[in-house]
Amino acid sequence: TQVVLHDDRMLKGVNREAVVAVSGAVRARDPENVNPKLDTGDVEVHADELTILGPCRNALPFEIRDSVSTREEVRLKYRYLDLRRPEMQRMLRTRVALVRALRRHLDAAGFQDIETPILTKATPEGARDYLVPSRVHPGEFFALPQSPQLFKQLLMMAGFDRYYQIARCFRDEDLRADRQPEFTQLDMEFAFVTEQDIQDFVEGMIRGVLKEVAGI
């Protein structure tokens, strides 16, 4: 938002990355000063008071608005700055919208979102387990789940015929292009259905989610 100052002394100690609180009157901009590129481009604040809440005494490790040339190691070291980049904000907000759309679609279809344990016993799957030592049972270990497969089967036998979970999974395996040691996946189970039922439901879910989240 454009701020109009009546006294330049109010800017003392203010720089580009300082956090400030401004109080004053919100007024319409003159027609020639309206900026349609900004959400608040048709108004400006005529400041009566400006307070520095958080000064920025040192230069930032990289310019947030021009981080294309910044090495990934630097961006990860200063992740709190990296996450301010519009690209990162867009990706995280898209992920939030994706999960929300998945839950809405599955809830409407009668699926139960049931949480399952993270600390469990090792089960034979496609990768090595990550182990967590037990403090109260020396020499014994928990395994982090590679997927909630074991618990899905228990729930189905217990009569929860439509179950889903957006589950955290842990697999000690070589990295893939689209997978790291811990990742999130959508797990679903539903009983008394045919192969065609599953294909139709998943296709409809993907189409609905893509339309809602990406406008496709």
Protein backbone atom coordinates (compact mmCIF):
# COMPACT_ATOMS: atom_id res chain seq x y z
CA THR A 1 0.00 0.00 0.00
CA GLN A 2 1.28 3.48 -0.86
CA VAL A 3 2.07 5.52 2.26
CA VAL A 4 2.17 9.31 2.13
CA LEU A 5 4.36 10.93 4.81
CA HIS A 6 3.91 14.49 5.98
CA ASP A 7 7.32 14.57 7.68
CA ASP A 8 10.42 12.88 6.24
CA ARG A 9 11.79 12.47 9.77
CA MET A 10 9.32 9.62 10.18
CA LEU A 11 11.56 7.58 7.84
CA LYS A 12 14.54 7.67 10.19
CA GLY A 13 15.78 4.09 10.66
CA VAL A 14 13.43 2.65 8.03
CA ASN A 15 14.88 0.55 5.23
CA ARG A 16 13.55 -1.90 2.67
CA GLU A 17 13.17 -4.90 5.01
CA ALA A 18 12.07 -3.13 8.19
CA VAL A 19 8.69 -4.07 9.67
CA VAL A 20 6.64 -0.97 10.41
CA ALA A 21 3.22 -0.05 11.78
CA VAL A 22 1.52 2.93 10.16
CA SER A 23 -1.57 4.73 11.39
CA GLY A 24 -3.38 7.44 9.45
CA ALA A 25 -6.23 8.15 7.07
CA VAL A 26 -7.00 5.93 4.07
CA ARG A 27 -7.88 8.08 1.06
CA ALA A 28 -8.58 7.51 -2.61
CA ARG A 29 -5.65 8.15 -4.91
CA ASP A 30 -5.80 10.78 -7.57
CA PRO A 31 -6.93 9.16 -10.86
CA GLU A 32 -3.53 9.60 -12.46
CA ASN A 33 -1.86 7.76 -9.54
CA VAL A 34 -4.10 4.69 -9.47
CA ASN A 35 -2.06 1.47 -9.87
CA PRO A 36 -4.24 -1.41 -11.19
CA LYS A 37 -1.37 -3.89 -10.61
CA LEU A 38 -1.83 -3.65 -6.83
CA ASP A 39 -4.81 -4.89 -4.81
CA THR A 40 -4.70 -1.60 -2.90
CA GLY A 41 -3.67 0.46 -5.91
CA ASP A 42 -6.66 2.79 -5.75
CA VAL A 43 -6.03 4.06 -2.19
CA GLU A 44 -3.17 5.46 -0.15
CA VAL A 45 -2.50 5.97 3.55
CA HIS A 46 -1.73 9.48 4.75
CA ALA A 47 0.41 8.64 7.76
CA ASP A 48 0.08 10.41 11.08
CA GLU A 49 2.41 8.00 12.88
CA LEU A 50 5.03 5.44 11.83
CA THR A 51 6.54 2.96 14.29
CA ILE A 52 9.41 0.58 13.52
CA LEU A 53 8.41 -2.82 14.93
CA GLY A 54 11.38 -4.77 13.57
CA PRO A 55 14.44 -3.00 12.19
CA CYS A 56 16.62 -4.67 9.56
CA ARG A 57 20.18 -3.69 10.49
CA ASN A 58 22.05 -5.90 8.03
CA ALA A 59 21.75 -6.67 4.34
CA LEU A 60 19.88 -9.89 3.50
CA PRO A 61 21.89 -12.93 2.30
CA PHE A 62 20.05 -12.67 -1.03
CA GLU A 63 17.47 -10.44 -2.65
CA ILE A 64 14.08 -12.11 -2.29
CA ARG A 65 12.78 -10.48 -5.47
CA ASP A 66 15.78 -11.67 -7.47
CA SER A 67 16.69 -15.13 -6.17
CA VAL A 68 16.87 -16.97 -9.51
CA SER A 69 20.67 -16.81 -9.45
CA THR A 70 20.92 -17.69 -5.74
CA ARG A 71 22.39 -21.11 -5.02
CA GLU A 72 19.95 -23.63 -3.56
CA GLU A 73 22.22 -24.21 -0.55
CA VAL A 74 21.90 -20.53 0.37
CA ARG A 75 18.12 -20.53 -0.10
CA LEU A 76 17.76 -23.61 2.12
CA LYS A 77 20.03 -22.17 4.81
CA TYR A 78 17.80 -19.10 4.97
CA ARG A 79 14.57 -20.97 4.37
CA TYR A 80 12.44 -18.36 6.14
CA LEU A 81 13.51 -15.88 3.46
CA ASP A 82 13.17 -18.38 0.63
CA LEU A 83 9.56 -19.07 1.64
CA ARG A 84 8.74 -15.41 1.10
CA ARG A 85 9.35 -15.77 -2.63
CA PRO A 86 6.11 -15.62 -4.66
CA GLU A 87 6.96 -18.94 -6.33
CA MET A 88 7.30 -20.74 -2.99
CA GLN A 89 4.16 -19.08 -1.62
CA ARG A 90 2.24 -20.20 -4.69
CA MET A 91 3.41 -23.82 -4.40
CA LEU A 92 2.60 -24.11 -0.70
CA ARG A 93 -0.82 -22.51 -1.13
CA THR A 94 -1.51 -24.86 -4.05
CA ARG A 95 -0.66 -27.83 -1.82
CA VAL A 96 -3.06 -26.55 0.85
CA ALA A 97 -5.80 -26.19 -1.76
CA LEU A 98 -5.06 -29.68 -3.12
CA VAL A 99 -5.39 -31.35 0.29
CA ARG A 100 -8.58 -29.39 1.01
CA ALA A 101 -10.10 -30.47 -2.31
CA LEU A 102 -9.16 -34.12 -1.75
CA ARG A 103 -10.74 -34.13 1.70
CA ARG A 104 -13.91 -32.46 0.43
CA HIS A 105 -14.29 -34.98 -2.39
CA LEU A 106 -13.60 -38.03 -0.20
CA ASP A 107 -15.78 -36.81 2.70
CA ALA A 108 -18.68 -36.28 0.30
CA ALA A 109 -18.27 -39.87 -0.92
CA GLY A 110 -18.59 -41.26 2.62
CA PHE A 111 -14.92 -42.01 3.30
CA GLN A 112 -13.65 -41.92 6.89
CA ASP A 113 -10.39 -40.05 7.59
CA ILE A 114 -8.75 -42.21 10.27
CA GLU A 115 -5.34 -41.55 11.78
CA THR A 116 -3.02 -44.52 12.32
CA PRO A 117 0.12 -44.85 14.50
CA ILE A 118 3.51 -43.57 13.43
CA LEU A 119 5.54 -45.65 15.92
CA THR A 120 4.89 -49.30 15.08
CA LYS A 121 6.57 -52.64 14.44
CA ALA A 122 8.52 -53.33 11.29
CA THR A 123 6.61 -54.97 8.42
CA PRO A 124 8.19 -56.34 5.24
CA GLU A 125 7.79 -53.81 2.44
CA GLY A 126 9.79 -52.47 -0.48
CA ALA A 127 12.48 -50.52 1.39
CA ARG A 128 14.44 -50.50 4.64
CA ASP A 129 12.75 -49.13 7.77
CA TYR A 130 13.76 -46.09 9.76
CA LEU A 131 14.15 -47.25 13.37
CA VAL A 132 13.41 -45.34 16.59
CA PRO A 133 14.95 -46.75 19.81
CA SER A 134 12.61 -47.35 22.75
CA ARG A 135 13.66 -45.68 25.99
CA VAL A 136 11.53 -47.90 28.24
CA HIS A 137 12.53 -51.14 26.48
CA PRO A 138 16.33 -50.98 25.97
CA GLY A 139 17.45 -52.81 22.85
CA GLU A 140 13.98 -52.65 21.28
CA PHE A 141 12.99 -50.39 18.39
CA PHE A 142 9.95 -48.92 16.74
CA ALA A 143 9.81 -48.64 12.95
CA LEU A 144 8.45 -45.63 11.14
CA PRO A 145 5.73 -46.70 8.67
CA GLN A 146 6.60 -47.03 5.01
CA SER A 147 2.85 -46.74 4.40
CA PRO A 148 -0.28 -47.36 6.54
CA GLN A 149 -1.01 -50.60 4.65
CA LEU A 150 -1.19 -52.85 7.74
CA PHE A 151 -3.64 -50.56 9.50
CA LYS A 152 -5.81 -50.17 6.41
CA GLN A 153 -6.36 -53.93 6.39
CA LEU A 154 -7.25 -53.95 10.09
CA LEU A 155 -9.74 -51.13 9.58
CA MET A 156 -11.38 -52.84 6.61
CA MET A 157 -11.86 -56.05 8.61
CA ALA A 158 -13.30 -53.96 11.45
CA GLY A 159 -16.08 -52.68 9.20
CA PHE A 160 -14.76 -49.27 8.10
CA ASP A 161 -15.57 -49.98 4.48
CA ARG A 162 -14.50 -46.57 3.14
CA TYR A 163 -11.27 -45.30 4.62
CA TYR A 164 -8.67 -42.77 3.57
CA GLN A 165 -5.64 -41.11 4.99
CA ILE A 166 -3.28 -38.41 3.76
CA ALA A 167 -0.37 -40.23 5.30
CA ARG A 168 3.24 -39.44 6.09
CA CYS A 169 5.48 -42.26 4.87
CA PHE A 170 9.13 -43.03 5.64
CA ARG A 171 11.32 -45.20 3.41
CA ASP A 172 15.08 -45.68 3.67
CA GLU A 173 15.81 -46.01 -0.02
CA ASP A 174 17.70 -44.26 -2.78
CA LEU A 175 16.18 -40.96 -3.81
CA ARG A 176 13.90 -40.77 -6.83
CA ALA A 177 13.00 -37.79 -8.97
CA ASP A 178 9.65 -37.40 -7.20
CA ARG A 179 10.33 -38.91 -3.77
CA GLN A 180 12.51 -38.21 -0.77
CA PRO A 181 13.05 -40.24 2.46
CA GLU A 182 9.81 -38.88 3.96
CA PHE A 183 6.85 -38.01 1.78
CA THR A 184 3.06 -37.76 1.82
CA GLN A 185 0.66 -39.96 -0.09
CA LEU A 186 -3.08 -40.44 -0.34
CA ASP A 187 -4.13 -43.92 0.79
CA MET A 188 -7.66 -45.20 0.16
CA GLU A 189 -9.54 -48.44 0.72
CA PHE A 190 -13.15 -49.27 -0.12
CA ALA A 191 -14.90 -52.62 0.08
CA PHE A 192 -17.33 -54.55 -2.13
CA VAL A 193 -16.44 -52.72 -5.34
CA THR A 194 -15.24 -53.76 -8.77
CA GLU A 195 -12.11 -52.67 -10.60
CA GLN A 196 -14.28 -50.40 -12.76
CA ASP A 197 -15.79 -48.78 -9.64
CA ILE A 198 -12.30 -47.88 -8.43
CA GLN A 199 -11.22 -46.51 -11.80
CA ASP A 200 -14.36 -44.41 -12.17
CA PHE A 201 -14.12 -42.98 -8.66
CA VAL A 202 -10.42 -42.11 -8.86
CA GLU A 203 -10.83 -40.58 -12.32
CA GLY A 204 -13.75 -38.46 -11.13
CA MET A 205 -11.81 -37.39 -8.03
CA ILE A 206 -8.75 -36.34 -10.05
CA ARG A 207 -10.90 -34.43 -12.55
CA GLY A 208 -12.75 -32.63 -9.75
CA VAL A 209 -9.57 -31.75 -7.85
CA LEU A 210 -7.76 -30.47 -10.96
CA LYS A 211 -10.74 -28.30 -11.85
CA GLU A 212 -11.04 -26.86 -8.35
CA VAL A 213 -7.34 -26.30 -7.69
CA ALA A 214 -5.86 -25.59 -11.11
CA GLY A 215 -8.87 -24.59 -13.17
CA ILE A 216 -8.27 -27.48 -15.59
